Each structure stands twice: as C-alpha cells, then as structure tokens.
C-alpha atoms as a PDB file:
ATOM      1  CA  MET A   1       0.453  -0.060  -0.112  1.00  0.00           C
ATOM      2  CA  ALA A   2       1.150   3.481  -1.072  1.00  0.00           C
ATOM      3  CA  THR A   3       1.450   5.983   1.814  1.00  0.00           C
ATOM      4  CA  SER A   4       1.126   9.369   1.419  1.00  0.00           C
ATOM      5  CA  PRO A   5       3.948  12.088   0.837  1.00  0.00           C
ATOM      6  CA  CYS A   6       2.159  14.363   2.746  1.00  0.00           C
ATOM      7  CA  ALA A   7       1.452  14.818   6.460  1.00  0.00           C
ATOM      8  CA  PRO A   8      -1.534  14.575   8.336  1.00  0.00           C
ATOM      9  CA  GLY A   9      -3.971  18.122   8.309  1.00  0.00           C
ATOM     10  CA  GLU A  10      -1.384  19.230   4.581  1.00  0.00           C
ATOM     11  CA  GLY A  11      -4.961  19.044   3.278  1.00  0.00           C
ATOM     12  CA  PRO A  12      -6.043  18.787  -1.179  1.00  0.00           C
ATOM     13  CA  ALA A  13      -2.666  21.157  -1.948  1.00  0.00           C
ATOM     14  CA  CYS A  14      -0.521  18.886  -0.864  1.00  0.00           C
ATOM     15  CA  ILE A  15      -1.926  15.516  -2.745  1.00  0.00           C
ATOM     16  CA  HIS A  16      -1.685  17.547  -5.551  1.00  0.00           C
ATOM     17  CA  GLU A  17       1.837  18.442  -5.610  1.00  0.00           C
ATOM     18  CA  ALA A  18       2.919  15.218  -5.071  1.00  0.00           C
ATOM     19  CA  THR A  19       0.356  14.031  -7.510  1.00  0.00           C
ATOM     20  CA  ASP A  20       1.618  16.435 -10.972  1.00  0.00           C
ATOM     21  CA  ASP A  21       5.385  15.261  -9.412  1.00  0.00           C
ATOM     22  CA  ALA A  22       5.176  11.660  -9.509  1.00  0.00           C
ATOM     23  CA  ALA A  23       3.154  12.108 -12.616  1.00  0.00           C
ATOM     24  CA  ARG A  24       5.292  14.065 -14.077  1.00  0.00           C
ATOM     25  CA  ALA A  25       8.659  11.987 -12.925  1.00  0.00           C
ATOM     26  CA  SER A  26       6.623   9.177 -14.011  1.00  0.00           C
ATOM     27  CA  SER A  27       6.125  10.703 -17.830  1.00  0.00           C
ATOM     28  CA  GLY A  28       8.834  13.975 -18.133  1.00  0.00           C
ATOM     29  CA  GLN A  29       7.821  17.186 -19.823  1.00  0.00           C
ATOM     30  CA  ASN A  30       7.397  16.915 -23.326  1.00  0.00           C
ATOM     31  CA  ARG A  31       3.840  18.180 -24.787  1.00  0.00           C
ATOM     32  CA  ALA A  32       2.632  14.788 -24.941  1.00  0.00           C
ATOM     33  CA  SER A  33       3.324  13.452 -21.400  1.00  0.00           C
ATOM     34  CA  ARG A  34       2.119  16.599 -20.161  1.00  0.00           C
ATOM     35  CA  GLN A  35      -1.018  15.435 -22.279  1.00  0.00           C
ATOM     36  CA  ALA A  36      -1.456  12.581 -20.438  1.00  0.00           C
ATOM     37  CA  ILE A  37      -0.917  13.498 -16.974  1.00  0.00           C
ATOM     38  CA  GLN A  38      -4.158  16.543 -17.572  1.00  0.00           C
ATOM     39  CA  PRO A  39      -6.950  13.880 -16.754  1.00  0.00           C
ATOM     40  CA  ILE A  40      -4.721  12.548 -13.148  1.00  0.00           C
ATOM     41  CA  GLN A  41      -4.477  16.570 -13.003  1.00  0.00           C
ATOM     42  CA  ARG A  42      -8.221  17.376 -12.974  1.00  0.00           C
ATOM     43  CA  GLN A  43      -8.651  14.485 -11.453  1.00  0.00           C
ATOM     44  CA  SER A  44      -6.429  15.575  -8.169  1.00  0.00           C
ATOM     45  CA  GLU A  45      -8.182  18.863  -8.663  1.00  0.00           C
ATOM     46  CA  ARG A  46     -11.778  17.206  -7.928  1.00  0.00           C
ATOM     47  CA  HIS A  47     -11.033  14.737  -5.506  1.00  0.00           C
ATOM     48  CA  GLY A  48      -9.129  18.070  -3.455  1.00  0.00           C
ATOM     49  CA  LEU A  49     -12.588  20.192  -4.496  1.00  0.00           C
ATOM     50  CA  ARG A  50     -14.458  17.844  -2.995  1.00  0.00           C
ATOM     51  CA  GLU A  51     -12.907  17.589   0.907  1.00  0.00           C
ATOM     52  CA  LEU A  52     -12.883  21.538   0.355  1.00  0.00           C
ATOM     53  CA  ILE A  53     -16.681  21.592  -0.132  1.00  0.00           C
ATOM     54  CA  ALA A  54     -17.206  18.819   2.356  1.00  0.00           C
ATOM     55  CA  ALA A  55     -15.090  20.765   5.275  1.00  0.00           C
ATOM     56  CA  ASN A  56     -16.594  24.280   4.513  1.00  0.00           C
ATOM     57  CA  GLU A  57     -20.224  21.846   4.718  1.00  0.00           C
ATOM     58  CA  ASP A  58     -18.868  20.460   7.906  1.00  0.00           C
ATOM     59  CA  LEU A  59     -18.617  24.800   9.621  1.00  0.00           C
ATOM     60  CA  HIS A  60     -21.617  26.097   7.852  1.00  0.00           C
ATOM     61  CA  GLY A  61     -23.624  23.154   6.776  1.00  0.00           C
ATOM     62  CA  PRO A  62     -25.385  22.687   3.122  1.00  0.00           C
ATOM     63  CA  LEU A  63     -25.072  24.735   0.128  1.00  0.00           C
ATOM     64  CA  THR A  64     -29.354  25.687  -0.271  1.00  0.00           C
ATOM     65  CA  ALA A  65     -30.466  25.663  -3.273  1.00  0.00           C
ATOM     66  CA  GLU A  66     -30.905  29.273  -3.433  1.00  0.00           C
ATOM     67  CA  GLU A  67     -26.838  29.737  -2.393  1.00  0.00           C
ATOM     68  CA  ILE A  68     -26.427  28.108  -5.572  1.00  0.00           C
ATOM     69  CA  ARG A  69     -28.432  30.052  -7.915  1.00  0.00           C
ATOM     70  CA  ALA A  70     -26.700  32.896  -6.968  1.00  0.00           C
ATOM     71  CA  ALA A  71     -23.110  31.501  -7.240  1.00  0.00           C
ATOM     72  CA  GLU A  72     -24.012  29.849 -10.495  1.00  0.00           C
ATOM     73  CA  ALA A  73     -25.507  33.769 -12.252  1.00  0.00           C
ATOM     74  CA  LYS A  74     -22.146  34.683 -10.366  1.00  0.00           C
ATOM     75  CA  MET A  75     -20.532  32.536 -12.053  1.00  0.00           C
ATOM     76  CA  PHE A  76     -21.897  31.167 -15.932  1.00  0.00           C
ATOM     77  CA  GLY A  77     -24.344  35.431 -15.676  1.00  0.00           C
ATOM     78  CA  ASP A  78     -28.091  35.214 -16.059  1.00  0.00           C
ATOM     79  CA  ALA A  79     -27.149  32.217 -18.935  1.00  0.00           C
ATOM     80  CA  GLY A  80     -26.696  29.444 -15.710  1.00  0.00           C
ATOM     81  CA  THR A  81     -29.723  30.176 -13.482  1.00  0.00           C
ATOM     82  CA  GLN A  82     -31.919  29.248 -17.047  1.00  0.00           C
ATOM     83  CA  ALA A  83     -31.626  25.680 -16.582  1.00  0.00           C
END
C-alpha cells in the first residue's frame, strides 16, 4: 500500500502537488506527456474540491438552493440560472 507524501492536516493542496510531481516524474515534460497527465491532474483537483466542499459543509452546513443559484449567476451570468 502506498503512503501519502503529505503530513496529516496538509490537505488537498499537498495531495495535488504530490500527484503532479509523481505524474511529471513518471512521464517527463514533453508535450505529449503533459497532455497525458492532465486527466490525473483534473482528478486530483476534483478530489481536492470535494474535500474543501465537505469541510465547508462541516463548518457551515450544506449549501441552500438559493446559495447555489447565486453562485451560478455569479459564475455564468443569467445563462447559468435559466435551467
């Protein structure tokens, strides 16, 4: 079983950095290699985002539908609220 290079409490940023480092080490830095590691990086980012959302919900409770609509409007303008 692999061990994490991150100390307890270092969180998603450390995990993301460690994943990037490992992917670069195993695939080099040419253009094709960078494209190959992008899915790994996206997965790491999604995992980190899920951790941040869970930590925020632990502190403040789940987001309400109105908070979600407001965030979508801020991010996408009126087009994001038409659904």
